[in-house]
Amino acid sequence: MPVYDYKCKTHGVFHELATLDDHAKPCPCPQCGELSGRVIMIPPEFLNMDKERRQAFQTNEKAQHEPIFSTDQSRKIHKRDGGCGCGDHKKRNSKLMYTARGEKFFPSMRPWMISH
């Protein structure tokens, strides 16, 4: 059985076991016996989160119901304005070389790395 949170007007929040069928029903306070309604507590780690990360969670929650679909038009706009910042990266020179047999190797890289 899951544990649910209830809030008594006099004694505050308390936790009680209840069946799934009884999850919405009020529960008596263990101290005074008054019927108390169920409350949904916000996880404290969400409240202590950085503002930017909390906004990212909210954006992801919106995107779950309103997804943005990739189209030819949106890809053309993306390449033009580089709004995501992916166009800002400098292109690195690859240190990839090939042996006479066609195997790849990186002369300046770690010698224990295995090429595929």
PDB file of N, CA and C in Angstrom:
ATOM      1  N   MET A   1       0.838  -1.181   0.000  1.00  0.00           N
ATOM      2  CA  MET A   1       0.000   0.000   0.000  1.00  0.00           C
ATOM      3  C   MET A   1       0.881   1.241   0.000  1.00  0.00           C
ATOM      4  N   PRO A   2       0.495   2.250  -0.782  1.00  0.00           N
ATOM      5  CA  PRO A   2       1.285   3.482  -0.813  1.00  0.00           C
ATOM      6  C   PRO A   2       1.011   4.371   0.394  1.00  0.00           C
ATOM      7  N   VAL A   3       1.975   5.230   0.660  1.00  0.00           N
ATOM      8  CA  VAL A   3       1.858   6.204   1.744  1.00  0.00           C
ATOM      9  C   VAL A   3       1.410   7.527   1.126  1.00  0.00           C
ATOM     10  N   TYR A   4       0.352   8.117   1.688  1.00  0.00           N
ATOM     11  CA  TYR A   4      -0.157   9.398   1.199  1.00  0.00           C
ATOM     12  C   TYR A   4       0.025  10.460   2.263  1.00  0.00           C
ATOM     13  N   ASP A   5       0.086  11.716   1.834  1.00  0.00           N
ATOM     14  CA  ASP A   5       0.215  12.864   2.740  1.00  0.00           C
ATOM     15  C   ASP A   5      -1.164  13.476   2.954  1.00  0.00           C
ATOM     16  N   TYR A   6      -1.474  13.773   4.214  1.00  0.00           N
ATOM     17  CA  TYR A   6      -2.732  14.421   4.577  1.00  0.00           C
ATOM     18  C   TYR A   6      -2.384  15.631   5.440  1.00  0.00           C
ATOM     19  N   LYS A   7      -3.299  16.606   5.489  1.00  0.00           N
ATOM     20  CA  LYS A   7      -3.025  17.794   6.293  1.00  0.00           C
ATOM     21  C   LYS A   7      -4.211  18.096   7.201  1.00  0.00           C
ATOM     22  N   CYS A   8      -3.922  18.047   8.490  1.00  0.00           N
ATOM     23  CA  CYS A   8      -4.907  18.387   9.513  1.00  0.00           C
ATOM     24  C   CYS A   8      -4.863  19.905   9.712  1.00  0.00           C
ATOM     25  N   LYS A   9      -6.032  20.538   9.896  1.00  0.00           N
ATOM     26  CA  LYS A   9      -6.079  21.991  10.098  1.00  0.00           C
ATOM     27  C   LYS A   9      -5.371  22.400  11.388  1.00  0.00           C
ATOM     28  N   THR A  10      -5.381  21.522  12.363  1.00  0.00           N
ATOM     29  CA  THR A  10      -4.792  21.837  13.664  1.00  0.00           C
ATOM     30  C   THR A  10      -3.345  21.372  13.788  1.00  0.00           C
ATOM     31  N   HIS A  11      -3.064  20.129  13.368  1.00  0.00           N
ATOM     32  CA  HIS A  11      -1.763  19.521  13.626  1.00  0.00           C
ATOM     33  C   HIS A  11      -0.830  19.455  12.417  1.00  0.00           C
ATOM     34  N   GLY A  12      -1.264  19.898  11.274  1.00  0.00           N
ATOM     35  CA  GLY A  12      -0.391  19.945  10.098  1.00  0.00           C
ATOM     36  C   GLY A  12      -0.350  18.637   9.310  1.00  0.00           C
ATOM     37  N   VAL A  13       0.748  18.437   8.602  1.00  0.00           N
ATOM     38  CA  VAL A  13       0.899  17.315   7.672  1.00  0.00           C
ATOM     39  C   VAL A  13       1.218  16.023   8.410  1.00  0.00           C
ATOM     40  N   PHE A  14       0.581  14.930   7.996  1.00  0.00           N
ATOM     41  CA  PHE A  14       0.910  13.596   8.491  1.00  0.00           C
ATOM     42  C   PHE A  14       0.810  12.607   7.331  1.00  0.00           C
ATOM     43  N   HIS A  15       1.391  11.445   7.501  1.00  0.00           N
ATOM     44  CA  HIS A  15       1.469  10.431   6.446  1.00  0.00           C
ATOM     45  C   HIS A  15       0.749   9.172   6.900  1.00  0.00           C
ATOM     46  N   GLU A  16      -0.030   8.591   6.005  1.00  0.00           N
ATOM     47  CA  GLU A  16      -0.767   7.362   6.329  1.00  0.00           C
ATOM     48  C   GLU A  16      -0.777   6.422   5.139  1.00  0.00           C
ATOM     49  N   LEU A  17      -0.838   5.138   5.435  1.00  0.00           N
ATOM     50  CA  LEU A  17      -1.006   4.124   4.399  1.00  0.00           C
ATOM     51  C   LEU A  17      -2.471   4.087   3.979  1.00  0.00           C
ATOM     52  N   ALA A  18      -2.713   3.909   2.680  1.00  0.00           N
ATOM     53  CA  ALA A  18      -4.091   3.788   2.190  1.00  0.00           C
ATOM     54  C   ALA A  18      -4.063   2.944   0.919  1.00  0.00           C
ATOM     55  N   THR A  19      -5.159   2.280   0.655  1.00  0.00           N
ATOM     56  CA  THR A  19      -5.255   1.492  -0.570  1.00  0.00           C
ATOM     57  C   THR A  19      -5.442   2.432  -1.750  1.00  0.00           C
ATOM     58  N   LEU A  20      -5.218   1.933  -2.944  1.00  0.00           N
ATOM     59  CA  LEU A  20      -5.404   2.747  -4.131  1.00  0.00           C
ATOM     60  C   LEU A  20      -6.861   3.185  -4.283  1.00  0.00           C
ATOM     61  N   ASP A  21      -7.784   2.361  -3.835  1.00  0.00           N
ATOM     62  CA  ASP A  21      -9.198   2.732  -3.918  1.00  0.00           C
ATOM     63  C   ASP A  21      -9.546   3.883  -2.978  1.00  0.00           C
ATOM     64  N   ASP A  22      -8.823   3.983  -1.858  1.00  0.00           N
ATOM     65  CA  ASP A  22      -9.118   5.001  -0.849  1.00  0.00           C
ATOM     66  C   ASP A  22      -8.211   6.219  -0.938  1.00  0.00           C
ATOM     67  N   HIS A  23      -7.468   6.371  -2.037  1.00  0.00           N
ATOM     68  CA  HIS A  23      -6.473   7.450  -2.109  1.00  0.00           C
ATOM     69  C   HIS A  23      -7.094   8.846  -2.046  1.00  0.00           C
ATOM     70  N   ALA A  24      -8.326   9.019  -2.510  1.00  0.00           N
ATOM     71  CA  ALA A  24      -8.946  10.341  -2.516  1.00  0.00           C
ATOM     72  C   ALA A  24      -9.795  10.613  -1.271  1.00  0.00           C
ATOM     73  N   LYS A  25     -10.025   9.605  -0.465  1.00  0.00           N
ATOM     74  CA  LYS A  25     -10.870   9.770   0.716  1.00  0.00           C
ATOM     75  C   LYS A  25     -10.089  10.438   1.852  1.00  0.00           C
ATOM     76  N   PRO A  26     -10.767  11.265   2.677  1.00  0.00           N
ATOM     77  CA  PRO A  26     -10.082  11.868   3.822  1.00  0.00           C
ATOM     78  C   PRO A  26      -9.689  10.809   4.851  1.00  0.00           C
ATOM     79  N   CYS A  27      -8.674  11.139   5.619  1.00  0.00           N
ATOM     80  CA  CYS A  27      -8.148  10.215   6.627  1.00  0.00           C
ATOM     81  C   CYS A  27      -8.195  10.910   7.994  1.00  0.00           C
ATOM     82  N   PRO A  28      -8.520  10.186   9.067  1.00  0.00           N
ATOM     83  CA  PRO A  28      -8.541  10.824  10.387  1.00  0.00           C
ATOM     84  C   PRO A  28      -7.132  11.150  10.880  1.00  0.00           C
ATOM     85  N   CYS A  29      -7.004  12.313  11.486  1.00  0.00           N
ATOM     86  CA  CYS A  29      -5.724  12.744  12.050  1.00  0.00           C
ATOM     87  C   CYS A  29      -5.358  11.809  13.197  1.00  0.00           C
ATOM     88  N   PRO A  30      -4.103  11.348  13.282  1.00  0.00           N
ATOM     89  CA  PRO A  30      -3.723  10.437  14.360  1.00  0.00           C
ATOM     90  C   PRO A  30      -3.746  11.091  15.751  1.00  0.00           C
ATOM     91  N   GLN A  31      -3.702  12.425  15.838  1.00  0.00           N
ATOM     92  CA  GLN A  31      -3.683  13.102  17.134  1.00  0.00           C
ATOM     93  C   GLN A  31      -5.080  13.504  17.621  1.00  0.00           C
ATOM     94  N   CYS A  32      -5.898  14.067  16.701  1.00  0.00           N
ATOM     95  CA  CYS A  32      -7.206  14.558  17.146  1.00  0.00           C
ATOM     96  C   CYS A  32      -8.375  13.781  16.543  1.00  0.00           C
ATOM     97  N   GLY A  33      -8.134  12.973  15.519  1.00  0.00           N
ATOM     98  CA  GLY A  33      -9.190  12.172  14.917  1.00  0.00           C
ATOM     99  C   GLY A  33     -10.044  12.917  13.897  1.00  0.00           C
ATOM    100  N   GLU A  34      -9.774  14.200  13.648  1.00  0.00           N
ATOM    101  CA  GLU A  34     -10.539  14.976  12.672  1.00  0.00           C
ATOM    102  C   GLU A  34     -10.202  14.509  11.262  1.00  0.00           C
ATOM    103  N   LEU A  35     -11.221  14.385  10.401  1.00  0.00           N
ATOM    104  CA  LEU A  35     -10.975  13.968   9.021  1.00  0.00           C
ATOM    105  C   LEU A  35     -10.181  15.047   8.299  1.00  0.00           C
ATOM    106  N   SER A  36      -9.100  14.616   7.645  1.00  0.00           N
ATOM    107  CA  SER A  36      -8.202  15.546   6.960  1.00  0.00           C
ATOM    108  C   SER A  36      -8.072  15.138   5.507  1.00  0.00           C
ATOM    109  N   GLY A  37      -8.051  16.125   4.645  1.00  0.00           N
ATOM    110  CA  GLY A  37      -7.941  15.872   3.215  1.00  0.00           C
ATOM    111  C   GLY A  37      -6.520  15.567   2.787  1.00  0.00           C
ATOM    112  N   ARG A  38      -6.413  14.867   1.679  1.00  0.00           N
ATOM    113  CA  ARG A  38      -5.098  14.512   1.134  1.00  0.00           C
ATOM    114  C   ARG A  38      -4.484  15.733   0.471  1.00  0.00           C
ATOM    115  N   VAL A  39      -3.177  15.888   0.626  1.00  0.00           N
ATOM    116  CA  VAL A  39      -2.435  16.966  -0.027  1.00  0.00           C
ATOM    117  C   VAL A  39      -1.319  16.356  -0.856  1.00  0.00           C
ATOM    118  N   ILE A  40      -0.947  17.046  -1.893  1.00  0.00           N
ATOM    119  CA  ILE A  40       0.179  16.601  -2.719  1.00  0.00           C
ATOM    120  C   ILE A  40       1.332  17.535  -2.422  1.00  0.00           C
ATOM    121  N   MET A  41       2.380  16.978  -1.892  1.00  0.00           N
ATOM    122  CA  MET A  41       3.541  17.769  -1.488  1.00  0.00           C
ATOM    123  C   MET A  41       4.463  17.972  -2.694  1.00  0.00           C
ATOM    124  N   ILE A  42       5.055  19.164  -2.801  1.00  0.00           N
ATOM    125  CA  ILE A  42       6.036  19.437  -3.846  1.00  0.00           C
ATOM    126  C   ILE A  42       7.380  18.938  -3.338  1.00  0.00           C
ATOM    127  N   PRO A  43       8.091  18.158  -4.147  1.00  0.00           N
ATOM    128  CA  PRO A  43       9.395  17.674  -3.691  1.00  0.00           C
ATOM    129  C   PRO A  43      10.329  18.838  -3.373  1.00  0.00           C
ATOM    130  N   PRO A  44      11.009  18.805  -2.242  1.00  0.00           N
ATOM    131  CA  PRO A  44      11.861  19.929  -1.859  1.00  0.00           C
ATOM    132  C   PRO A  44      13.012  20.167  -2.822  1.00  0.00           C
ATOM    133  N   GLU A  45      13.506  19.116  -3.497  1.00  0.00           N
ATOM    134  CA  GLU A  45      14.617  19.324  -4.417  1.00  0.00           C
ATOM    135  C   GLU A  45      14.199  20.185  -5.600  1.00  0.00           C
ATOM    136  N   PHE A  46      12.911  20.194  -5.949  1.00  0.00           N
ATOM    137  CA  PHE A  46      12.435  21.050  -7.031  1.00  0.00           C
ATOM    138  C   PHE A  46      12.469  22.515  -6.600  1.00  0.00           C
ATOM    139  N   LEU A  47      12.149  22.782  -5.341  1.00  0.00           N
ATOM    140  CA  LEU A  47      12.151  24.156  -4.844  1.00  0.00           C
ATOM    141  C   LEU A  47      13.574  24.700  -4.709  1.00  0.00           C
ATOM    142  N   ASN A  48      14.533  23.854  -4.393  1.00  0.00           N
ATOM    143  CA  ASN A  48      15.916  24.291  -4.206  1.00  0.00           C
ATOM    144  C   ASN A  48      16.706  24.327  -5.512  1.00  0.00           C
ATOM    145  N   MET A  49      16.086  23.960  -6.603  1.00  0.00           N
ATOM    146  CA  MET A  49      16.761  23.870  -7.886  1.00  0.00           C
ATOM    147  C   MET A  49      17.098  25.264  -8.426  1.00  0.00           C
ATOM    148  N   ASP A  50      18.170  25.356  -9.230  1.00  0.00           N
ATOM    149  CA  ASP A  50      18.517  26.613  -9.893  1.00  0.00           C
ATOM    150  C   ASP A  50      17.377  27.064 -10.793  1.00  0.00           C
ATOM    151  N   LYS A  51      17.243  28.378 -10.952  1.00  0.00           N
ATOM    152  CA  LYS A  51      16.163  28.947 -11.752  1.00  0.00           C
ATOM    153  C   LYS A  51      16.209  28.424 -13.190  1.00  0.00           C
ATOM    154  N   GLU A  52      17.395  28.373 -13.778  1.00  0.00           N
ATOM    155  CA  GLU A  52      17.541  27.933 -15.164  1.00  0.00           C
ATOM    156  C   GLU A  52      17.117  26.477 -15.337  1.00  0.00           C
ATOM    157  N   ARG A  53      17.499  25.637 -14.381  1.00  0.00           N
ATOM    158  CA  ARG A  53      17.147  24.223 -14.474  1.00  0.00           C
ATOM    159  C   ARG A  53      15.637  24.028 -14.288  1.00  0.00           C
ATOM    160  N   ARG A  54      15.034  24.788 -13.383  1.00  0.00           N
ATOM    161  CA  ARG A  54      13.593  24.708 -13.182  1.00  0.00           C
ATOM    162  C   ARG A  54      12.857  25.129 -14.450  1.00  0.00           C
ATOM    163  N   GLN A  55      13.353  26.182 -15.129  1.00  0.00           N
ATOM    164  CA  GLN A  55      12.750  26.624 -16.390  1.00  0.00           C
ATOM    165  C   GLN A  55      12.896  25.554 -17.463  1.00  0.00           C
ATOM    166  N   ALA A  56      14.029  24.848 -17.468  1.00  0.00           N
ATOM    167  CA  ALA A  56      14.226  23.762 -18.438  1.00  0.00           C
ATOM    168  C   ALA A  56      13.220  22.645 -18.203  1.00  0.00           C
ATOM    169  N   PHE A  57      12.953  22.309 -16.946  1.00  0.00           N
ATOM    170  CA  PHE A  57      11.942  21.295 -16.638  1.00  0.00           C
ATOM    171  C   PHE A  57      10.564  21.741 -17.126  1.00  0.00           C
ATOM    172  N   GLN A  58      10.241  23.024 -16.906  1.00  0.00           N
ATOM    173  CA  GLN A  58       8.941  23.533 -17.350  1.00  0.00           C
ATOM    174  C   GLN A  58       8.827  23.511 -18.873  1.00  0.00           C
ATOM    175  N   THR A  59       9.915  23.852 -19.562  1.00  0.00           N
ATOM    176  CA  THR A  59       9.916  23.813 -21.024  1.00  0.00           C
ATOM    177  C   THR A  59       9.734  22.390 -21.519  1.00  0.00           C
ATOM    178  N   ASN A  60      10.419  21.452 -20.898  1.00  0.00           N
ATOM    179  CA  ASN A  60      10.280  20.048 -21.296  1.00  0.00           C
ATOM    180  C   ASN A  60       8.869  19.540 -21.048  1.00  0.00           C
ATOM    181  N   GLU A  61       8.258  19.994 -19.965  1.00  0.00           N
ATOM    182  CA  GLU A  61       6.892  19.579 -19.664  1.00  0.00           C
ATOM    183  C   GLU A  61       5.934  20.092 -20.729  1.00  0.00           C
ATOM    184  N   LYS A  62       6.127  21.339 -21.184  1.00  0.00           N
ATOM    185  CA  LYS A  62       5.295  21.878 -22.262  1.00  0.00           C
ATOM    186  C   LYS A  62       5.525  21.101 -23.550  1.00  0.00           C
ATOM    187  N   ALA A  63       6.783  20.811 -23.846  1.00  0.00           N
ATOM    188  CA  ALA A  63       7.123  20.137 -25.097  1.00  0.00           C
ATOM    189  C   ALA A  63       6.552  18.725 -25.145  1.00  0.00           C
ATOM    190  N   GLN A  64       6.274  18.146 -24.001  1.00  0.00           N
ATOM    191  CA  GLN A  64       5.716  16.800 -23.970  1.00  0.00           C
ATOM    192  C   GLN A  64       4.351  16.780 -24.657  1.00  0.00           C
ATOM    193  N   HIS A  65       3.595  17.866 -24.528  1.00  0.00           N
ATOM    194  CA  HIS A  65       2.256  17.929 -25.092  1.00  0.00           C
ATOM    195  C   HIS A  65       2.203  18.719 -26.392  1.00  0.00           C
ATOM    196  N   GLU A  66       3.212  19.548 -26.652  1.00  0.00           N
ATOM    197  CA  GLU A  66       3.262  20.364 -27.857  1.00  0.00           C
ATOM    198  C   GLU A  66       4.610  20.176 -28.536  1.00  0.00           C
ATOM    199  N   PRO A  67       4.861  19.003 -29.105  1.00  0.00           N
ATOM    200  CA  PRO A  67       6.180  18.764 -29.701  1.00  0.00           C
ATOM    201  C   PRO A  67       6.419  19.622 -30.935  1.00  0.00           C
ATOM    202  N   ILE A  68       7.674  19.973 -31.161  1.00  0.00           N
ATOM    203  CA  ILE A  68       8.057  20.714 -32.348  1.00  0.00           C
ATOM    204  C   ILE A  68       8.571  19.702 -33.353  1.00  0.00           C
ATOM    205  N   PHE A  69       7.942  19.664 -34.514  1.00  0.00           N
ATOM    206  CA  PHE A  69       8.317  18.708 -35.542  1.00  0.00           C
ATOM    207  C   PHE A  69       9.330  19.330 -36.486  1.00  0.00           C
ATOM    208  N   SER A  70      10.302  18.548 -36.873  1.00  0.00           N
ATOM    209  CA  SER A  70      11.323  19.002 -37.798  1.00  0.00           C
ATOM    210  C   SER A  70      10.777  18.921 -39.223  1.00  0.00           C
ATOM    211  N   THR A  71      10.847  20.033 -39.930  1.00  0.00           N
ATOM    212  CA  THR A  71      10.409  20.083 -41.322  1.00  0.00           C
ATOM    213  C   THR A  71      11.549  20.638 -42.162  1.00  0.00           C
ATOM    214  N   ASP A  72      11.418  20.555 -43.482  1.00  0.00           N
ATOM    215  CA  ASP A  72      12.444  21.128 -44.366  1.00  0.00           C
ATOM    216  C   ASP A  72      12.602  22.622 -44.103  1.00  0.00           C
ATOM    217  N   GLN A  73      11.482  23.318 -43.918  1.00  0.00           N
ATOM    218  CA  GLN A  73      11.516  24.759 -43.676  1.00  0.00           C
ATOM    219  C   GLN A  73      12.233  25.089 -42.363  1.00  0.00           C
ATOM    220  N   SER A  74      11.931  24.357 -41.293  1.00  0.00           N
ATOM    221  CA  SER A  74      12.568  24.650 -40.010  1.00  0.00           C
ATOM    222  C   SER A  74      14.064  24.348 -40.054  1.00  0.00           C
ATOM    223  N   ARG A  75      14.469  23.339 -40.828  1.00  0.00           N
ATOM    224  CA  ARG A  75      15.903  23.035 -40.948  1.00  0.00           C
ATOM    225  C   ARG A  75      16.630  24.122 -41.719  1.00  0.00           C
ATOM    226  N   LYS A  76      15.984  24.704 -42.738  1.00  0.00           N
ATOM    227  CA  LYS A  76      16.608  25.802 -43.490  1.00  0.00           C
ATOM    228  C   LYS A  76      16.795  27.015 -42.587  1.00  0.00           C
ATOM    229  N   ILE A  77      15.787  27.323 -41.784  1.00  0.00           N
ATOM    230  CA  ILE A  77      15.884  28.456 -40.864  1.00  0.00           C
ATOM    231  C   ILE A  77      16.977  28.191 -39.832  1.00  0.00           C
ATOM    232  N   HIS A  78      17.043  26.966 -39.345  1.00  0.00           N
ATOM    233  CA  HIS A  78      18.052  26.598 -38.349  1.00  0.00           C
ATOM    234  C   HIS A  78      19.456  26.797 -38.903  1.00  0.00           C
ATOM    235  N   LYS A  79      19.684  26.368 -40.133  1.00  0.00           N
ATOM    236  CA  LYS A  79      21.019  26.519 -40.730  1.00  0.00           C
ATOM    237  C   LYS A  79      21.369  27.986 -40.922  1.00  0.00           C
ATOM    238  N   ARG A  80      20.355  28.810 -41.243  1.00  0.00           N
ATOM    239  CA  ARG A  80      20.590  30.216 -41.514  1.00  0.00           C
ATOM    240  C   ARG A  80      20.917  31.000 -40.253  1.00  0.00           C
ATOM    241  N   ASP A  81      20.086  30.863 -39.209  1.00  0.00           N
ATOM    242  CA  ASP A  81      20.283  31.700 -38.028  1.00  0.00           C
ATOM    243  C   ASP A  81      21.124  31.043 -36.944  1.00  0.00           C
ATOM    244  N   GLY A  82      21.259  29.717 -36.962  1.00  0.00           N
ATOM    245  CA  GLY A  82      22.083  29.045 -35.957  1.00  0.00           C
ATOM    246  C   GLY A  82      21.617  29.330 -34.546  1.00  0.00           C
ATOM    247  N   GLY A  83      20.309  29.393 -34.326  1.00  0.00           N
ATOM    248  CA  GLY A  83      19.742  29.762 -33.033  1.00  0.00           C
ATOM    249  C   GLY A  83      20.150  28.865 -31.892  1.00  0.00           C
ATOM    250  N   CYS A  84      20.488  27.619 -32.173  1.00  0.00           N
ATOM    251  CA  CYS A  84      20.844  26.719 -31.084  1.00  0.00           C
ATOM    252  C   CYS A  84      22.307  26.841 -30.697  1.00  0.00           C
ATOM    253  N   GLY A  85      23.085  27.518 -31.526  1.00  0.00           N
ATOM    254  CA  GLY A  85      24.497  27.670 -31.209  1.00  0.00           C
ATOM    255  C   GLY A  85      25.373  26.583 -31.798  1.00  0.00           C
ATOM    256  N   CYS A  86      24.773  25.623 -32.501  1.00  0.00           N
ATOM    257  CA  CYS A  86      25.593  24.535 -33.033  1.00  0.00           C
ATOM    258  C   CYS A  86      26.487  25.020 -34.157  1.00  0.00           C
ATOM    259  N   GLY A  87      26.167  26.127 -34.807  1.00  0.00           N
ATOM    260  CA  GLY A  87      26.995  26.656 -35.884  1.00  0.00           C
ATOM    261  C   GLY A  87      28.173  27.450 -35.364  1.00  0.00           C
ATOM    262  N   ASP A  88      28.212  27.695 -34.058  1.00  0.00           N
ATOM    263  CA  ASP A  88      29.270  28.509 -33.472  1.00  0.00           C
ATOM    264  C   ASP A  88      30.541  27.718 -33.181  1.00  0.00           C
ATOM    265  N   HIS A  89      30.477  26.400 -33.305  1.00  0.00           N
ATOM    266  CA  HIS A  89      31.637  25.579 -32.980  1.00  0.00           C
ATOM    267  C   HIS A  89      32.684  25.673 -34.082  1.00  0.00           C
ATOM    268  N   LYS A  90      33.947  25.743 -33.673  1.00  0.00           N
ATOM    269  CA  LYS A  90      35.024  25.716 -34.646  1.00  0.00           C
ATOM    270  C   LYS A  90      35.200  24.291 -35.131  1.00  0.00           C
ATOM    271  N   LYS A  91      35.460  24.161 -36.400  1.00  0.00           N
ATOM    272  CA  LYS A  91      35.672  22.827 -36.951  1.00  0.00           C
ATOM    273  C   LYS A  91      37.085  22.394 -36.582  1.00  0.00           C
ATOM    274  N   ARG A  92      37.185  21.228 -35.944  1.00  0.00           N
ATOM    275  CA  ARG A  92      38.493  20.732 -35.526  1.00  0.00           C
ATOM    276  C   ARG A  92      39.128  19.951 -36.661  1.00  0.00           C
ATOM    277  N   ASN A  93      40.422  20.079 -36.747  1.00  0.00           N
ATOM    278  CA  ASN A  93      41.149  19.278 -37.730  1.00  0.00           C
ATOM    279  C   ASN A  93      41.290  17.861 -37.193  1.00  0.00           C
ATOM    280  N   SER A  94      40.911  16.915 -37.987  1.00  0.00           N
ATOM    281  CA  SER A  94      41.002  15.526 -37.567  1.00  0.00           C
ATOM    282  C   SER A  94      42.441  15.052 -37.662  1.00  0.00           C
ATOM    283  N   LYS A  95      42.850  14.298 -36.670  1.00  0.00           N
ATOM    284  CA  LYS A  95      44.197  13.735 -36.676  1.00  0.00           C
ATOM    285  C   LYS A  95      44.175  12.290 -37.158  1.00  0.00           C
ATOM    286  N   LEU A  96      43.096  11.948 -37.825  1.00  0.00           N
ATOM    287  CA  LEU A  96      42.927  10.593 -38.327  1.00  0.00           C
ATOM    288  C   LEU A  96      43.860  10.354 -39.505  1.00  0.00           C
ATOM    289  N   MET A  97      44.557   9.222 -39.470  1.00  0.00           N
ATOM    290  CA  MET A  97      45.425   8.819 -40.584  1.00  0.00           C
ATOM    291  C   MET A  97      45.135   7.349 -40.880  1.00  0.00           C
ATOM    292  N   TYR A  98      45.546   6.919 -42.050  1.00  0.00           N
ATOM    293  CA  TYR A  98      45.333   5.532 -42.454  1.00  0.00           C
ATOM    294  C   TYR A  98      46.671   4.861 -42.737  1.00  0.00           C
ATOM    295  N   THR A  99      46.751   3.600 -42.401  1.00  0.00           N
ATOM    296  CA  THR A  99      47.941   2.816 -42.717  1.00  0.00           C
ATOM    297  C   THR A  99      47.845   2.346 -44.166  1.00  0.00           C
ATOM    298  N   ALA A 100      48.883   1.718 -44.651  1.00  0.00           N
ATOM    299  CA  ALA A 100      48.897   1.214 -46.030  1.00  0.00           C
ATOM    300  C   ALA A 100      47.824   0.150 -46.219  1.00  0.00           C
ATOM    301  N   ARG A 101      47.468  -0.582 -45.147  1.00  0.00           N
ATOM    302  CA  ARG A 101      46.445  -1.628 -45.262  1.00  0.00           C
ATOM    303  C   ARG A 101      45.030  -1.064 -45.104  1.00  0.00           C
ATOM    304  N   GLY A 102      44.891   0.257 -44.891  1.00  0.00           N
ATOM    305  CA  GLY A 102      43.573   0.872 -44.773  1.00  0.00           C
ATOM    306  C   GLY A 102      43.044   0.965 -43.362  1.00  0.00           C
ATOM    307  N   GLU A 103      43.860   0.617 -42.368  1.00  0.00           N
ATOM    308  CA  GLU A 103      43.423   0.703 -40.981  1.00  0.00           C
ATOM    309  C   GLU A 103      43.561   2.141 -40.477  1.00  0.00           C
ATOM    310  N   LYS A 104      42.653   2.545 -39.613  1.00  0.00           N
ATOM    311  CA  LYS A 104      42.708   3.891 -39.048  1.00  0.00           C
ATOM    312  C   LYS A 104      43.684   3.924 -37.876  1.00  0.00           C
ATOM    313  N   PHE A 105      44.348   5.078 -37.719  1.00  0.00           N
ATOM    314  CA  PHE A 105      45.106   5.294 -36.500  1.00  0.00           C
ATOM    315  C   PHE A 105      45.247   6.795 -36.263  1.00  0.00           C
ATOM    316  N   PHE A 106      45.458   7.147 -34.998  1.00  0.00           N
ATOM    317  CA  PHE A 106      45.599   8.535 -34.588  1.00  0.00           C
ATOM    318  C   PHE A 106      46.988   8.666 -33.978  1.00  0.00           C
ATOM    319  N   PRO A 107      47.949   9.191 -34.699  1.00  0.00           N
ATOM    320  CA  PRO A 107      49.322   9.211 -34.193  1.00  0.00           C
ATOM    321  C   PRO A 107      49.505  10.007 -32.903  1.00  0.00           C
ATOM    322  N   SER A 108      48.730  11.036 -32.681  1.00  0.00           N
ATOM    323  CA  SER A 108      48.924  11.838 -31.475  1.00  0.00           C
ATOM    324  C   SER A 108      48.005  11.416 -30.338  1.00  0.00           C
ATOM    325  N   MET A 109      47.167  10.453 -30.560  1.00  0.00           N
ATOM    326  CA  MET A 109      46.222  10.047 -29.535  1.00  0.00           C
ATOM    327  C   MET A 109      46.839   8.991 -28.607  1.00  0.00           C
ATOM    328  N   ARG A 110      46.071   8.509 -27.704  1.00  0.00           N
ATOM    329  CA  ARG A 110      46.541   7.533 -26.728  1.00  0.00           C
ATOM    330  C   ARG A 110      46.847   6.207 -27.439  1.00  0.00           C
ATOM    331  N   PRO A 111      48.002   5.632 -27.190  1.00  0.00           N
ATOM    332  CA  PRO A 111      48.376   4.409 -27.909  1.00  0.00           C
ATOM    333  C   PRO A 111      47.541   3.196 -27.529  1.00  0.00           C
ATOM    334  N   TRP A 112      46.879   3.215 -26.376  1.00  0.00           N
ATOM    335  CA  TRP A 112      46.091   2.050 -25.968  1.00  0.00           C
ATOM    336  C   TRP A 112      44.695   2.056 -26.577  1.00  0.00           C
ATOM    337  N   MET A 113      44.304   3.123 -27.282  1.00  0.00           N
ATOM    338  CA  MET A 113      42.989   3.158 -27.914  1.00  0.00           C
ATOM    339  C   MET A 113      42.964   2.232 -29.122  1.00  0.00           C
ATOM    340  N   ILE A 114      41.913   1.474 -29.238  1.00  0.00           N
ATOM    341  CA  ILE A 114      41.781   0.521 -30.330  1.00  0.00           C
ATOM    342  C   ILE A 114      40.909   1.145 -31.409  1.00  0.00           C
ATOM    343  N   SER A 115      41.366   1.080 -32.623  1.00  0.00           N
ATOM    344  CA  SER A 115      40.608   1.618 -33.734  1.00  0.00           C
ATOM    345  C   SER A 115      39.625   0.565 -34.238  1.00  0.00           C
ATOM    346  N   HIS A 116      38.513   1.007 -34.769  1.00  0.00           N
ATOM    347  CA  HIS A 116      37.507   0.075 -35.288  1.00  0.00           C
ATOM    348  C   HIS A 116      37.439   0.165 -36.772  1.00  0.00           C
TER     349      HIS A 116
END
